Amino acid sequence: MLKETIASAFKSKGKRSMKKSELIMTLTFDLGWFSHEEAKRVVDLALEKGLLMGNEELTPTFDLDEVEVPVDFRPDESIFSEKPVFDRIVEEIAEKTGKSFGEVVAMINRRQEELGNLLSVEVVALIVAKELGLDVSKFLDEVERVVLDQ
């Protein structure tokens, strides 16, 4: 939903880049989706998730033309409650292996200890998933951002 929200804002202005303040104003006043503070949170979240790059002049890191936004699209409160990447990796492992969330976390913790606690839990979760034969490619960019921002 965050990607669609950002794409909608840029598409509504017909632009490929915007000043941070203009993007916030677009989300707040032009589209009427958020309060000023919520719009700032949306922009900060998009920067954190790697959907936007830049400081004052922001540019999407994805192709706007490839994002299909329904005509009646309207973001809701869930945009602020996206689960951390670690939780999503654990859920994926649990779903694909039939193990419980707790069992998967325990596996990751054991593996992290075996590795001398030298790696972040997100990286160890990817290792465990890969060792179980799961495709973890969809999580790589986000884990890289989380690990390098720490």
C-alpha atoms as a PDB file:
ATOM      1  CA  MET A   1       0.000   0.000   0.000  1.00  0.00           C
ATOM      2  CA  LEU A   2       2.900   2.381   0.702  1.00  0.00           C
ATOM      3  CA  LYS A   3       4.243   2.001  -2.833  1.00  0.00           C
ATOM      4  CA  GLU A   4       0.814   2.722  -4.330  1.00  0.00           C
ATOM      5  CA  THR A   5       0.428   5.768  -2.078  1.00  0.00           C
ATOM      6  CA  ILE A   6       3.752   7.242  -3.195  1.00  0.00           C
ATOM      7  CA  ALA A   7       3.058   6.395  -6.844  1.00  0.00           C
ATOM      8  CA  SER A   8      -0.373   8.055  -6.627  1.00  0.00           C
ATOM      9  CA  ALA A   9       1.109  11.257  -5.257  1.00  0.00           C
ATOM     10  CA  PHE A  10       3.713  11.524  -8.015  1.00  0.00           C
ATOM     11  CA  LYS A  11       1.257  10.532 -10.740  1.00  0.00           C
ATOM     12  CA  SER A  12      -1.279  13.095  -9.513  1.00  0.00           C
ATOM     13  CA  LYS A  13       1.308  15.810 -10.128  1.00  0.00           C
ATOM     14  CA  GLY A  14       2.700  14.246 -13.296  1.00  0.00           C
ATOM     15  CA  LYS A  15       6.204  14.434 -11.866  1.00  0.00           C
ATOM     16  CA  ARG A  16       9.144  12.080 -11.450  1.00  0.00           C
ATOM     17  CA  SER A  17      10.600  14.018  -8.514  1.00  0.00           C
ATOM     18  CA  MET A  18       9.278  16.449  -5.907  1.00  0.00           C
ATOM     19  CA  LYS A  19      10.534  18.476  -3.030  1.00  0.00           C
ATOM     20  CA  LYS A  20       9.795  16.758   0.274  1.00  0.00           C
ATOM     21  CA  SER A  21       7.489  19.600   1.312  1.00  0.00           C
ATOM     22  CA  GLU A  22       5.547  19.361  -1.969  1.00  0.00           C
ATOM     23  CA  LEU A  23       5.066  15.617  -1.547  1.00  0.00           C
ATOM     24  CA  ILE A  24       3.762  16.147   1.990  1.00  0.00           C
ATOM     25  CA  MET A  25       1.390  18.859   0.749  1.00  0.00           C
ATOM     26  CA  THR A  26       0.189  16.609  -2.087  1.00  0.00           C
ATOM     27  CA  LEU A  27      -0.636  13.805   0.345  1.00  0.00           C
ATOM     28  CA  THR A  28      -2.293  16.239   2.764  1.00  0.00           C
ATOM     29  CA  PHE A  29      -4.151  18.808   0.697  1.00  0.00           C
ATOM     30  CA  ASP A  30      -4.325  17.675  -2.932  1.00  0.00           C
ATOM     31  CA  LEU A  31      -5.252  14.060  -2.229  1.00  0.00           C
ATOM     32  CA  GLY A  32      -6.716  14.709   1.236  1.00  0.00           C
ATOM     33  CA  TRP A  33      -5.546  11.374   2.584  1.00  0.00           C
ATOM     34  CA  PHE A  34      -3.551  12.387   5.651  1.00  0.00           C
ATOM     35  CA  SER A  35      -3.035  15.101   8.215  1.00  0.00           C
ATOM     36  CA  HIS A  36       0.215  17.033   7.836  1.00  0.00           C
ATOM     37  CA  GLU A  37       1.901  14.928  10.562  1.00  0.00           C
ATOM     38  CA  GLU A  38       0.666  11.655   9.043  1.00  0.00           C
ATOM     39  CA  ALA A  39       1.913  12.705   5.594  1.00  0.00           C
ATOM     40  CA  LYS A  40       5.345  13.404   7.080  1.00  0.00           C
ATOM     41  CA  ARG A  41       5.300   9.916   8.611  1.00  0.00           C
ATOM     42  CA  VAL A  42       4.343   8.392   5.244  1.00  0.00           C
ATOM     43  CA  VAL A  43       7.237  10.155   3.506  1.00  0.00           C
ATOM     44  CA  ASP A  44       9.683   9.162   6.259  1.00  0.00           C
ATOM     45  CA  LEU A  45       8.456   5.563   6.088  1.00  0.00           C
ATOM     46  CA  ALA A  46       8.879   5.505   2.303  1.00  0.00           C
ATOM     47  CA  LEU A  47      12.438   6.814   2.702  1.00  0.00           C
ATOM     48  CA  GLU A  48      13.158   4.222   5.397  1.00  0.00           C
ATOM     49  CA  LYS A  49      11.762   1.407   3.241  1.00  0.00           C
ATOM     50  CA  GLY A  50      13.836   2.554   0.266  1.00  0.00           C
ATOM     51  CA  LEU A  51      10.872   3.558  -1.906  1.00  0.00           C
ATOM     52  CA  LEU A  52      12.164   7.138  -2.116  1.00  0.00           C
ATOM     53  CA  MET A  53      15.659   8.533  -2.369  1.00  0.00           C
ATOM     54  CA  GLY A  54      17.018  11.996  -1.820  1.00  0.00           C
ATOM     55  CA  ASN A  55      16.955  14.615   0.899  1.00  0.00           C
ATOM     56  CA  GLU A  56      14.952  17.667  -0.091  1.00  0.00           C
ATOM     57  CA  GLU A  57      14.319  16.575  -3.694  1.00  0.00           C
ATOM     58  CA  LEU A  58      12.744  13.112  -3.559  1.00  0.00           C
ATOM     59  CA  THR A  59      12.611  10.577  -6.365  1.00  0.00           C
ATOM     60  CA  PRO A  60      10.915   7.168  -6.305  1.00  0.00           C
ATOM     61  CA  THR A  61      13.329   4.239  -6.514  1.00  0.00           C
ATOM     62  CA  PHE A  62      10.807   2.290  -8.598  1.00  0.00           C
ATOM     63  CA  ASP A  63       9.235   2.796 -12.009  1.00  0.00           C
ATOM     64  CA  LEU A  64       6.020   4.769 -11.489  1.00  0.00           C
ATOM     65  CA  ASP A  65       4.579   3.394 -14.731  1.00  0.00           C
ATOM     66  CA  GLU A  66       4.787  -0.179 -13.426  1.00  0.00           C
ATOM     67  CA  VAL A  67       2.589   0.531 -10.377  1.00  0.00           C
ATOM     68  CA  GLU A  68      -1.104  -0.068 -11.023  1.00  0.00           C
ATOM     69  CA  VAL A  69      -3.199   2.127  -8.772  1.00  0.00           C
ATOM     70  CA  PRO A  70      -6.956   1.450  -8.750  1.00  0.00           C
ATOM     71  CA  VAL A  71      -9.143   4.464  -9.506  1.00  0.00           C
ATOM     72  CA  ASP A  72     -10.792   4.251  -6.072  1.00  0.00           C
ATOM     73  CA  PHE A  73      -7.498   3.733  -4.212  1.00  0.00           C
ATOM     74  CA  ARG A  74      -7.305   5.286  -0.764  1.00  0.00           C
ATOM     75  CA  PRO A  75      -4.647   4.301   1.800  1.00  0.00           C
ATOM     76  CA  ASP A  76      -5.806   3.396   5.280  1.00  0.00           C
ATOM     77  CA  GLU A  77      -4.283   3.217   8.773  1.00  0.00           C
ATOM     78  CA  SER A  78      -2.551  -0.088   7.995  1.00  0.00           C
ATOM     79  CA  ILE A  79       0.048   1.887   6.054  1.00  0.00           C
ATOM     80  CA  PHE A  80       1.611   2.771   9.414  1.00  0.00           C
ATOM     81  CA  SER A  81       1.604  -0.734  10.827  1.00  0.00           C
ATOM     82  CA  GLU A  82       3.674  -2.699   8.378  1.00  0.00           C
ATOM     83  CA  LYS A  83       5.439  -5.511  10.167  1.00  0.00           C
ATOM     84  CA  PRO A  84       9.220  -5.456  10.504  1.00  0.00           C
ATOM     85  CA  VAL A  85      11.070  -7.481   7.899  1.00  0.00           C
ATOM     86  CA  PHE A  86      12.237  -9.975  10.545  1.00  0.00           C
ATOM     87  CA  ASP A  87       8.628 -10.830  11.449  1.00  0.00           C
ATOM     88  CA  ARG A  88       7.702 -11.222   7.801  1.00  0.00           C
ATOM     89  CA  ILE A  89      10.648 -13.575   7.183  1.00  0.00           C
ATOM     90  CA  VAL A  90       9.700 -15.654  10.242  1.00  0.00           C
ATOM     91  CA  GLU A  91       6.074 -15.800   9.064  1.00  0.00           C
ATOM     92  CA  GLU A  92       7.205 -16.925   5.612  1.00  0.00           C
ATOM     93  CA  ILE A  93       9.387 -19.687   7.077  1.00  0.00           C
ATOM     94  CA  ALA A  94       6.573 -20.797   9.399  1.00  0.00           C
ATOM     95  CA  GLU A  95       4.025 -20.839   6.583  1.00  0.00           C
ATOM     96  CA  LYS A  96       6.253 -22.798   4.194  1.00  0.00           C
ATOM     97  CA  THR A  97       7.524 -25.313   6.776  1.00  0.00           C
ATOM     98  CA  GLY A  98       4.441 -25.778   8.943  1.00  0.00           C
ATOM     99  CA  LYS A  99       6.343 -24.708  12.065  1.00  0.00           C
ATOM    100  CA  SER A 100       4.988 -22.209  14.563  1.00  0.00           C
ATOM    101  CA  PHE A 101       6.253 -18.631  14.750  1.00  0.00           C
ATOM    102  CA  GLY A 102       7.947 -19.467  18.083  1.00  0.00           C
ATOM    103  CA  GLU A 103       9.643 -22.565  16.688  1.00  0.00           C
ATOM    104  CA  VAL A 104      11.079 -20.561  13.808  1.00  0.00           C
ATOM    105  CA  VAL A 105      12.335 -17.824  16.138  1.00  0.00           C
ATOM    106  CA  ALA A 106      13.986 -20.506  18.286  1.00  0.00           C
ATOM    107  CA  MET A 107      15.675 -21.975  15.184  1.00  0.00           C
ATOM    108  CA  ILE A 108      16.963 -18.538  14.213  1.00  0.00           C
ATOM    109  CA  ASN A 109      18.226 -17.861  17.747  1.00  0.00           C
ATOM    110  CA  ARG A 110      20.087 -21.207  17.832  1.00  0.00           C
ATOM    111  CA  ARG A 111      21.641 -20.519  14.443  1.00  0.00           C
ATOM    112  CA  GLN A 112      22.641 -17.020  15.533  1.00  0.00           C
ATOM    113  CA  GLU A 113      24.431 -18.457  18.582  1.00  0.00           C
ATOM    114  CA  GLU A 114      26.188 -21.019  16.370  1.00  0.00           C
ATOM    115  CA  LEU A 115      27.423 -18.106  14.266  1.00  0.00           C
ATOM    116  CA  GLY A 116      28.811 -16.391  17.352  1.00  0.00           C
ATOM    117  CA  ASN A 117      26.123 -13.678  17.453  1.00  0.00           C
ATOM    118  CA  LEU A 118      28.077 -11.828  14.777  1.00  0.00           C
ATOM    119  CA  LEU A 119      25.175 -11.306  12.397  1.00  0.00           C
ATOM    120  CA  SER A 120      21.895  -9.434  12.780  1.00  0.00           C
ATOM    121  CA  VAL A 121      18.770 -11.510  13.377  1.00  0.00           C
ATOM    122  CA  GLU A 122      17.450 -10.428   9.972  1.00  0.00           C
ATOM    123  CA  VAL A 123      20.506 -11.866   8.204  1.00  0.00           C
ATOM    124  CA  VAL A 124      20.375 -15.063  10.251  1.00  0.00           C
ATOM    125  CA  ALA A 125      16.669 -15.416   9.421  1.00  0.00           C
ATOM    126  CA  LEU A 126      17.593 -15.248   5.720  1.00  0.00           C
ATOM    127  CA  ILE A 127      20.289 -17.884   6.248  1.00  0.00           C
ATOM    128  CA  VAL A 128      17.845 -20.214   8.030  1.00  0.00           C
ATOM    129  CA  ALA A 129      15.253 -19.719   5.299  1.00  0.00           C
ATOM    130  CA  LYS A 130      17.823 -20.423   2.598  1.00  0.00           C
ATOM    131  CA  GLU A 131      19.049 -23.540   4.447  1.00  0.00           C
ATOM    132  CA  LEU A 132      15.444 -24.732   4.429  1.00  0.00           C
ATOM    133  CA  GLY A 133      15.352 -24.285   0.653  1.00  0.00           C
ATOM    134  CA  LEU A 134      13.147 -21.196   0.628  1.00  0.00           C
ATOM    135  CA  ASP A 135      13.454 -18.323  -1.826  1.00  0.00           C
ATOM    136  CA  VAL A 136      14.356 -15.222   0.191  1.00  0.00           C
ATOM    137  CA  SER A 137      15.142 -12.884  -2.683  1.00  0.00           C
ATOM    138  CA  LYS A 138      12.132 -10.635  -2.021  1.00  0.00           C
ATOM    139  CA  PHE A 139      13.566  -9.736   1.405  1.00  0.00           C
ATOM    140  CA  LEU A 140      17.176  -9.032   0.399  1.00  0.00           C
ATOM    141  CA  ASP A 141      16.948  -5.313  -0.366  1.00  0.00           C
ATOM    142  CA  GLU A 142      14.964  -4.522   2.755  1.00  0.00           C
ATOM    143  CA  VAL A 143      17.272  -6.558   5.010  1.00  0.00           C
ATOM    144  CA  GLU A 144      20.253  -4.787   3.481  1.00  0.00           C
ATOM    145  CA  ARG A 145      18.682  -1.401   4.274  1.00  0.00           C
ATOM    146  CA  VAL A 146      17.837  -2.451   7.841  1.00  0.00           C
ATOM    147  CA  VAL A 147      21.318  -3.834   8.505  1.00  0.00           C
ATOM    148  CA  LEU A 148      23.216  -0.935   6.951  1.00  0.00           C
ATOM    149  CA  ASP A 149      21.084   1.694   8.696  1.00  0.00           C
ATOM    150  CA  GLN A 150      21.837   0.259  12.135  1.00  0.00           C
END
